[in-house]
Amino acid sequence: MSGLSVAMVMLLQSAATPPSAVPAVATEQPQICRRIEVTGYVARKEKVCKTKAEWRAADDNGNSRARAIVEYSTSRSIAN
């Protein structure tokens, strides 16, 4: 089969699929917006909008990075 024939077969198959067989798009979660301080500015803040899951992932990432820094700094022996 040529490339055009394959494309036509795929197009016809997708058109023949009943709408009930196509999975529904997941409902979009509402956005939660926060004003975040911009590093290097005294009073500048930036509006950042993410879903609840994205905010939780960002918080977990920040917490794990801070924890790693503390563990690294407290586990090092001080050489005299």
PDB file of N, CA and C in Angstrom:
ATOM      1  N   MET A   1       0.831  -1.176   0.000  1.00  0.00           N
ATOM      2  CA  MET A   1       0.000   0.000   0.000  1.00  0.00           C
ATOM      3  C   MET A   1       0.878   1.242   0.000  1.00  0.00           C
ATOM      4  N   SER A   2       0.422   2.231  -0.692  1.00  0.00           N
ATOM      5  CA  SER A   2       1.174   3.471  -0.704  1.00  0.00           C
ATOM      6  C   SER A   2       0.829   4.284   0.542  1.00  0.00           C
ATOM      7  N   GLY A   3       1.606   5.319   0.815  1.00  0.00           N
ATOM      8  CA  GLY A   3       1.381   6.164   1.991  1.00  0.00           C
ATOM      9  C   GLY A   3       0.011   6.808   1.974  1.00  0.00           C
ATOM     10  N   LEU A   4      -0.473   7.196   0.791  1.00  0.00           N
ATOM     11  CA  LEU A   4      -1.782   7.829   0.677  1.00  0.00           C
ATOM     12  C   LEU A   4      -2.889   6.832   1.012  1.00  0.00           C
ATOM     13  N   SER A   5      -2.729   5.585   0.575  1.00  0.00           N
ATOM     14  CA  SER A   5      -3.726   4.555   0.863  1.00  0.00           C
ATOM     15  C   SER A   5      -3.807   4.280   2.353  1.00  0.00           C
ATOM     16  N   VAL A   6      -2.671   4.226   3.009  1.00  0.00           N
ATOM     17  CA  VAL A   6      -2.632   3.969   4.444  1.00  0.00           C
ATOM     18  C   VAL A   6      -3.314   5.120   5.186  1.00  0.00           C
ATOM     19  N   ALA A   7      -3.035   6.334   4.736  1.00  0.00           N
ATOM     20  CA  ALA A   7      -3.646   7.496   5.376  1.00  0.00           C
ATOM     21  C   ALA A   7      -5.162   7.478   5.207  1.00  0.00           C
ATOM     22  N   MET A   8      -5.645   7.093   4.032  1.00  0.00           N
ATOM     23  CA  MET A   8      -7.089   7.033   3.779  1.00  0.00           C
ATOM     24  C   MET A   8      -7.742   5.970   4.660  1.00  0.00           C
ATOM     25  N   VAL A   9      -7.100   4.806   4.807  1.00  0.00           N
ATOM     26  CA  VAL A   9      -7.648   3.736   5.637  1.00  0.00           C
ATOM     27  C   VAL A   9      -7.741   4.214   7.085  1.00  0.00           C
ATOM     28  N   MET A  10      -6.704   4.874   7.573  1.00  0.00           N
ATOM     29  CA  MET A  10      -6.709   5.359   8.951  1.00  0.00           C
ATOM     30  C   MET A  10      -7.795   6.416   9.144  1.00  0.00           C
ATOM     31  N   LEU A  11      -7.965   7.288   8.176  1.00  0.00           N
ATOM     32  CA  LEU A  11      -8.982   8.320   8.251  1.00  0.00           C
ATOM     33  C   LEU A  11     -10.374   7.711   8.276  1.00  0.00           C
ATOM     34  N   LEU A  12     -10.611   6.723   7.424  1.00  0.00           N
ATOM     35  CA  LEU A  12     -11.920   6.079   7.378  1.00  0.00           C
ATOM     36  C   LEU A  12     -12.211   5.312   8.660  1.00  0.00           C
ATOM     37  N   GLN A  13     -11.189   4.672   9.229  1.00  0.00           N
ATOM     38  CA  GLN A  13     -11.393   3.933  10.475  1.00  0.00           C
ATOM     39  C   GLN A  13     -11.728   4.884  11.617  1.00  0.00           C
ATOM     40  N   SER A  14     -11.053   6.020  11.672  1.00  0.00           N
ATOM     41  CA  SER A  14     -11.323   6.957  12.757  1.00  0.00           C
ATOM     42  C   SER A  14     -12.692   7.585  12.587  1.00  0.00           C
ATOM     43  N   ALA A  15     -13.152   7.789  11.350  1.00  0.00           N
ATOM     44  CA  ALA A  15     -14.468   8.370  11.111  1.00  0.00           C
ATOM     45  C   ALA A  15     -15.567   7.365  11.429  1.00  0.00           C
ATOM     46  N   ALA A  16     -15.285   6.071  11.326  1.00  0.00           N
ATOM     47  CA  ALA A  16     -16.288   5.045  11.568  1.00  0.00           C
ATOM     48  C   ALA A  16     -16.450   4.726  13.052  1.00  0.00           C
ATOM     49  N   THR A  17     -15.587   5.242  13.908  1.00  0.00           N
ATOM     50  CA  THR A  17     -15.669   4.966  15.332  1.00  0.00           C
ATOM     51  C   THR A  17     -16.842   5.730  15.931  1.00  0.00           C
ATOM     52  N   PRO A  18     -17.765   5.034  16.586  1.00  0.00           N
ATOM     53  CA  PRO A  18     -18.910   5.730  17.183  1.00  0.00           C
ATOM     54  C   PRO A  18     -18.459   6.646  18.320  1.00  0.00           C
ATOM     55  N   PRO A  19     -19.144   7.755  18.532  1.00  0.00           N
ATOM     56  CA  PRO A  19     -18.740   8.698  19.571  1.00  0.00           C
ATOM     57  C   PRO A  19     -18.702   8.090  20.961  1.00  0.00           C
ATOM     58  N   SER A  20     -19.546   7.106  21.238  1.00  0.00           N
ATOM     59  CA  SER A  20     -19.556   6.499  22.566  1.00  0.00           C
ATOM     60  C   SER A  20     -18.297   5.686  22.832  1.00  0.00           C
ATOM     61  N   ALA A  21     -17.589   5.257  21.788  1.00  0.00           N
ATOM     62  CA  ALA A  21     -16.379   4.464  21.966  1.00  0.00           C
ATOM     63  C   ALA A  21     -15.163   5.343  22.242  1.00  0.00           C
ATOM     64  N   VAL A  22     -15.272   6.636  21.968  1.00  0.00           N
ATOM     65  CA  VAL A  22     -14.160   7.551  22.208  1.00  0.00           C
ATOM     66  C   VAL A  22     -14.196   7.946  23.675  1.00  0.00           C
ATOM     67  N   PRO A  23     -13.068   7.777  24.398  1.00  0.00           N
ATOM     68  CA  PRO A  23     -13.074   8.109  25.828  1.00  0.00           C
ATOM     69  C   PRO A  23     -13.318   9.599  26.034  1.00  0.00           C
ATOM     70  N   ALA A  24     -14.055   9.901  27.085  1.00  0.00           N
ATOM     71  CA  ALA A  24     -14.355  11.301  27.397  1.00  0.00           C
ATOM     72  C   ALA A  24     -13.093  11.995  27.896  1.00  0.00           C
ATOM     73  N   VAL A  25     -12.969  13.253  27.571  1.00  0.00           N
ATOM     74  CA  VAL A  25     -11.833  14.048  28.025  1.00  0.00           C
ATOM     75  C   VAL A  25     -12.002  14.279  29.519  1.00  0.00           C
ATOM     76  N   ALA A  26     -10.917  14.114  30.255  1.00  0.00           N
ATOM     77  CA  ALA A  26     -10.983  14.297  31.699  1.00  0.00           C
ATOM     78  C   ALA A  26     -11.411  15.722  32.018  1.00  0.00           C
ATOM     79  N   THR A  27     -12.227  15.840  33.054  1.00  0.00           N
ATOM     80  CA  THR A  27     -12.675  17.174  33.429  1.00  0.00           C
ATOM     81  C   THR A  27     -11.485  17.977  33.927  1.00  0.00           C
ATOM     82  N   GLU A  28     -11.414  19.196  33.463  1.00  0.00           N
ATOM     83  CA  GLU A  28     -10.282  20.049  33.810  1.00  0.00           C
ATOM     84  C   GLU A  28     -10.457  20.561  35.233  1.00  0.00           C
ATOM     85  N   GLN A  29      -9.394  20.486  36.003  1.00  0.00           N
ATOM     86  CA  GLN A  29      -9.438  20.955  37.375  1.00  0.00           C
ATOM     87  C   GLN A  29      -9.343  22.476  37.395  1.00  0.00           C
ATOM     88  N   PRO A  30      -9.971  23.115  38.372  1.00  0.00           N
ATOM     89  CA  PRO A  30      -9.910  24.570  38.442  1.00  0.00           C
ATOM     90  C   PRO A  30      -8.494  25.044  38.776  1.00  0.00           C
ATOM     91  N   GLN A  31      -8.159  26.199  38.261  1.00  0.00           N
ATOM     92  CA  GLN A  31      -6.852  26.788  38.510  1.00  0.00           C
ATOM     93  C   GLN A  31      -6.875  27.547  39.835  1.00  0.00           C
ATOM     94  N   ILE A  32      -5.790  27.445  40.583  1.00  0.00           N
ATOM     95  CA  ILE A  32      -5.606  28.200  41.814  1.00  0.00           C
ATOM     96  C   ILE A  32      -4.462  29.164  41.551  1.00  0.00           C
ATOM     97  N   CYS A  33      -4.727  30.447  41.736  1.00  0.00           N
ATOM     98  CA  CYS A  33      -3.716  31.471  41.447  1.00  0.00           C
ATOM     99  C   CYS A  33      -3.108  31.993  42.739  1.00  0.00           C
ATOM    100  N   ARG A  34      -1.805  32.198  42.711  1.00  0.00           N
ATOM    101  CA  ARG A  34      -1.075  32.764  43.843  1.00  0.00           C
ATOM    102  C   ARG A  34      -0.180  33.877  43.320  1.00  0.00           C
ATOM    103  N   ARG A  35       0.114  34.826  44.194  1.00  0.00           N
ATOM    104  CA  ARG A  35       1.050  35.893  43.845  1.00  0.00           C
ATOM    105  C   ARG A  35       2.391  35.520  44.461  1.00  0.00           C
ATOM    106  N   ILE A  36       3.389  35.322  43.614  1.00  0.00           N
ATOM    107  CA  ILE A  36       4.707  34.860  44.032  1.00  0.00           C
ATOM    108  C   ILE A  36       5.700  36.018  43.941  1.00  0.00           C
ATOM    109  N   GLU A  37       6.523  36.193  44.981  1.00  0.00           N
ATOM    110  CA  GLU A  37       7.539  37.241  44.968  1.00  0.00           C
ATOM    111  C   GLU A  37       8.597  36.915  43.923  1.00  0.00           C
ATOM    112  N   VAL A  38       9.018  37.930  43.187  1.00  0.00           N
ATOM    113  CA  VAL A  38      10.031  37.762  42.160  1.00  0.00           C
ATOM    114  C   VAL A  38      11.389  38.056  42.773  1.00  0.00           C
ATOM    115  N   THR A  39      12.316  37.126  42.666  1.00  0.00           N
ATOM    116  CA  THR A  39      13.648  37.292  43.228  1.00  0.00           C
ATOM    117  C   THR A  39      14.355  38.466  42.569  1.00  0.00           C
ATOM    118  N   GLY A  40      14.964  39.325  43.405  1.00  0.00           N
ATOM    119  CA  GLY A  40      15.701  40.469  42.889  1.00  0.00           C
ATOM    120  C   GLY A  40      14.911  41.761  42.924  1.00  0.00           C
ATOM    121  N   TYR A  41      13.630  41.683  43.293  1.00  0.00           N
ATOM    122  CA  TYR A  41      12.788  42.875  43.373  1.00  0.00           C
ATOM    123  C   TYR A  41      12.229  42.991  44.784  1.00  0.00           C
ATOM    124  N   VAL A  42      12.097  44.218  45.260  1.00  0.00           N
ATOM    125  CA  VAL A  42      11.589  44.426  46.608  1.00  0.00           C
ATOM    126  C   VAL A  42      10.078  44.202  46.676  1.00  0.00           C
ATOM    127  N   ALA A  43       9.349  44.782  45.743  1.00  0.00           N
ATOM    128  CA  ALA A  43       7.894  44.738  45.838  1.00  0.00           C
ATOM    129  C   ALA A  43       7.216  44.081  44.637  1.00  0.00           C
ATOM    130  N   ARG A  44       7.964  43.485  43.744  1.00  0.00           N
ATOM    131  CA  ARG A  44       7.362  42.906  42.551  1.00  0.00           C
ATOM    132  C   ARG A  44       6.863  41.491  42.839  1.00  0.00           C
ATOM    133  N   LYS A  45       5.638  41.219  42.408  1.00  0.00           N
ATOM    134  CA  LYS A  45       5.059  39.887  42.547  1.00  0.00           C
ATOM    135  C   LYS A  45       4.480  39.476  41.211  1.00  0.00           C
ATOM    136  N   GLU A  46       4.465  38.188  40.978  1.00  0.00           N
ATOM    137  CA  GLU A  46       3.976  37.637  39.714  1.00  0.00           C
ATOM    138  C   GLU A  46       2.817  36.691  40.007  1.00  0.00           C
ATOM    139  N   LYS A  47       1.777  36.757  39.201  1.00  0.00           N
ATOM    140  CA  LYS A  47       0.626  35.875  39.375  1.00  0.00           C
ATOM    141  C   LYS A  47       0.917  34.549  38.678  1.00  0.00           C
ATOM    142  N   VAL A  48       0.796  33.446  39.432  1.00  0.00           N
ATOM    143  CA  VAL A  48       1.045  32.109  38.900  1.00  0.00           C
ATOM    144  C   VAL A  48      -0.189  31.264  39.171  1.00  0.00           C
ATOM    145  N   CYS A  49      -0.717  30.629  38.130  1.00  0.00           N
ATOM    146  CA  CYS A  49      -1.916  29.798  38.256  1.00  0.00           C
ATOM    147  C   CYS A  49      -1.575  28.347  37.915  1.00  0.00           C
ATOM    148  N   LYS A  50      -1.970  27.426  38.809  1.00  0.00           N
ATOM    149  CA  LYS A  50      -1.753  25.994  38.610  1.00  0.00           C
ATOM    150  C   LYS A  50      -2.922  25.242  39.221  1.00  0.00           C
ATOM    151  N   THR A  51      -3.021  23.964  38.892  1.00  0.00           N
ATOM    152  CA  THR A  51      -4.044  23.137  39.521  1.00  0.00           C
ATOM    153  C   THR A  51      -3.579  22.746  40.922  1.00  0.00           C
ATOM    154  N   LYS A  52      -4.486  22.212  41.704  1.00  0.00           N
ATOM    155  CA  LYS A  52      -4.149  21.795  43.070  1.00  0.00           C
ATOM    156  C   LYS A  52      -3.030  20.754  43.061  1.00  0.00           C
ATOM    157  N   ALA A  53      -3.098  19.819  42.122  1.00  0.00           N
ATOM    158  CA  ALA A  53      -2.067  18.773  42.030  1.00  0.00           C
ATOM    159  C   ALA A  53      -0.709  19.373  41.655  1.00  0.00           C
ATOM    160  N   GLU A  54      -0.706  20.360  40.765  1.00  0.00           N
ATOM    161  CA  GLU A  54       0.556  20.997  40.372  1.00  0.00           C
ATOM    162  C   GLU A  54       1.160  21.786  41.524  1.00  0.00           C
ATOM    163  N   TRP A  55       0.308  22.483  42.313  1.00  0.00           N
ATOM    164  CA  TRP A  55       0.823  23.206  43.481  1.00  0.00           C
ATOM    165  C   TRP A  55       1.394  22.227  44.503  1.00  0.00           C
ATOM    166  N   ARG A  56       0.707  21.095  44.713  1.00  0.00           N
ATOM    167  CA  ARG A  56       1.196  20.103  45.670  1.00  0.00           C
ATOM    168  C   ARG A  56       2.548  19.541  45.221  1.00  0.00           C
ATOM    169  N   ALA A  57       2.687  19.264  43.926  1.00  0.00           N
ATOM    170  CA  ALA A  57       3.954  18.742  43.403  1.00  0.00           C
ATOM    171  C   ALA A  57       5.070  19.776  43.565  1.00  0.00           C
ATOM    172  N   ALA A  58       4.764  21.040  43.302  1.00  0.00           N
ATOM    173  CA  ALA A  58       5.772  22.093  43.454  1.00  0.00           C
ATOM    174  C   ALA A  58       6.193  22.235  44.912  1.00  0.00           C
ATOM    175  N   ASP A  59       5.216  22.183  45.833  1.00  0.00           N
ATOM    176  CA  ASP A  59       5.540  22.264  47.259  1.00  0.00           C
ATOM    177  C   ASP A  59       6.370  21.071  47.710  1.00  0.00           C
ATOM    178  N   ASP A  60       5.996  19.875  47.267  1.00  0.00           N
ATOM    179  CA  ASP A  60       6.756  18.676  47.627  1.00  0.00           C
ATOM    180  C   ASP A  60       8.179  18.754  47.093  1.00  0.00           C
ATOM    181  N   ASN A  61       8.336  19.240  45.873  1.00  0.00           N
ATOM    182  CA  ASN A  61       9.663  19.375  45.279  1.00  0.00           C
ATOM    183  C   ASN A  61      10.503  20.360  46.083  1.00  0.00           C
ATOM    184  N   GLY A  62       9.930  21.500  46.449  1.00  0.00           N
ATOM    185  CA  GLY A  62      10.655  22.487  47.242  1.00  0.00           C
ATOM    186  C   GLY A  62      11.029  21.954  48.604  1.00  0.00           C
ATOM    187  N   ASN A  63      10.093  21.241  49.235  1.00  0.00           N
ATOM    188  CA  ASN A  63      10.364  20.675  50.555  1.00  0.00           C
ATOM    189  C   ASN A  63      11.459  19.618  50.495  1.00  0.00           C
ATOM    190  N   SER A  64      11.432  18.774  49.476  1.00  0.00           N
ATOM    191  CA  SER A  64      12.457  17.719  49.386  1.00  0.00           C
ATOM    192  C   SER A  64      13.834  18.319  49.092  1.00  0.00           C
ATOM    193  N   ARG A  65      13.873  19.394  48.301  1.00  0.00           N
ATOM    194  CA  ARG A  65      15.162  20.052  48.020  1.00  0.00           C
ATOM    195  C   ARG A  65      15.713  20.694  49.289  1.00  0.00           C
ATOM    196  N   ALA A  66      14.853  21.357  50.070  1.00  0.00           N
ATOM    197  CA  ALA A  66      15.293  21.976  51.320  1.00  0.00           C
ATOM    198  C   ALA A  66      15.773  20.913  52.301  1.00  0.00           C
ATOM    199  N   ARG A  67      15.043  19.804  52.379  1.00  0.00           N
ATOM    200  CA  ARG A  67      15.427  18.712  53.270  1.00  0.00           C
ATOM    201  C   ARG A  67      16.801  18.149  52.874  1.00  0.00           C
ATOM    202  N   ALA A  68      17.033  18.004  51.569  1.00  0.00           N
ATOM    203  CA  ALA A  68      18.316  17.477  51.092  1.00  0.00           C
ATOM    204  C   ALA A  68      19.461  18.422  51.448  1.00  0.00           C
ATOM    205  N   ILE A  69      19.234  19.724  51.353  1.00  0.00           N
ATOM    206  CA  ILE A  69      20.278  20.696  51.697  1.00  0.00           C
ATOM    207  C   ILE A  69      20.604  20.622  53.180  1.00  0.00           C
ATOM    208  N   VAL A  70      19.579  20.539  54.024  1.00  0.00           N
ATOM    209  CA  VAL A  70      19.798  20.458  55.466  1.00  0.00           C
ATOM    210  C   VAL A  70      20.526  19.171  55.816  1.00  0.00           C
ATOM    211  N   GLU A  71      20.108  18.050  55.253  1.00  0.00           N
ATOM    212  CA  GLU A  71      20.761  16.769  55.542  1.00  0.00           C
ATOM    213  C   GLU A  71      22.214  16.784  55.085  1.00  0.00           C
ATOM    214  N   TYR A  72      22.476  17.378  53.932  1.00  0.00           N
ATOM    215  CA  TYR A  72      23.841  17.446  53.426  1.00  0.00           C
ATOM    216  C   TYR A  72      24.710  18.288  54.351  1.00  0.00           C
ATOM    217  N   SER A  73      24.193  19.436  54.780  1.00  0.00           N
ATOM    218  CA  SER A  73      25.001  20.330  55.598  1.00  0.00           C
ATOM    219  C   SER A  73      25.202  19.800  57.020  1.00  0.00           C
ATOM    220  N   THR A  74      24.255  19.045  57.555  1.00  0.00           N
ATOM    221  CA  THR A  74      24.426  18.519  58.909  1.00  0.00           C
ATOM    222  C   THR A  74      25.199  17.209  58.937  1.00  0.00           C
ATOM    223  N   SER A  75      25.284  16.522  57.815  1.00  0.00           N
ATOM    224  CA  SER A  75      25.991  15.244  57.806  1.00  0.00           C
ATOM    225  C   SER A  75      27.487  15.396  57.540  1.00  0.00           C
ATOM    226  N   ARG A  76      27.904  16.555  57.069  1.00  0.00           N
ATOM    227  CA  ARG A  76      29.325  16.775  56.794  1.00  0.00           C
ATOM    228  C   ARG A  76      30.084  16.967  58.087  1.00  0.00           C
ATOM    229  N   SER A  77      31.250  16.382  58.184  1.00  0.00           N
ATOM    230  CA  SER A  77      32.073  16.582  59.360  1.00  0.00           C
ATOM    231  C   SER A  77      32.897  17.850  59.170  1.00  0.00           C
ATOM    232  N   ILE A  78      33.093  18.562  60.244  1.00  0.00           N
ATOM    233  CA  ILE A  78      33.861  19.814  60.185  1.00  0.00           C
ATOM    234  C   ILE A  78      35.321  19.469  60.480  1.00  0.00           C
ATOM    235  N   ALA A  79      36.182  19.748  59.514  1.00  0.00           N
ATOM    236  CA  ALA A  79      37.598  19.464  59.673  1.00  0.00           C
ATOM    237  C   ALA A  79      38.286  20.647  60.335  1.00  0.00           C
ATOM    238  N   ASN A  80      39.058  20.364  61.373  1.00  0.00           N
ATOM    239  CA  ASN A  80      39.816  21.428  62.065  1.00  0.00           C
ATOM    240  C   ASN A  80      41.229  21.414  61.641  1.00  0.00           C
TER     241      ASN A  80
END
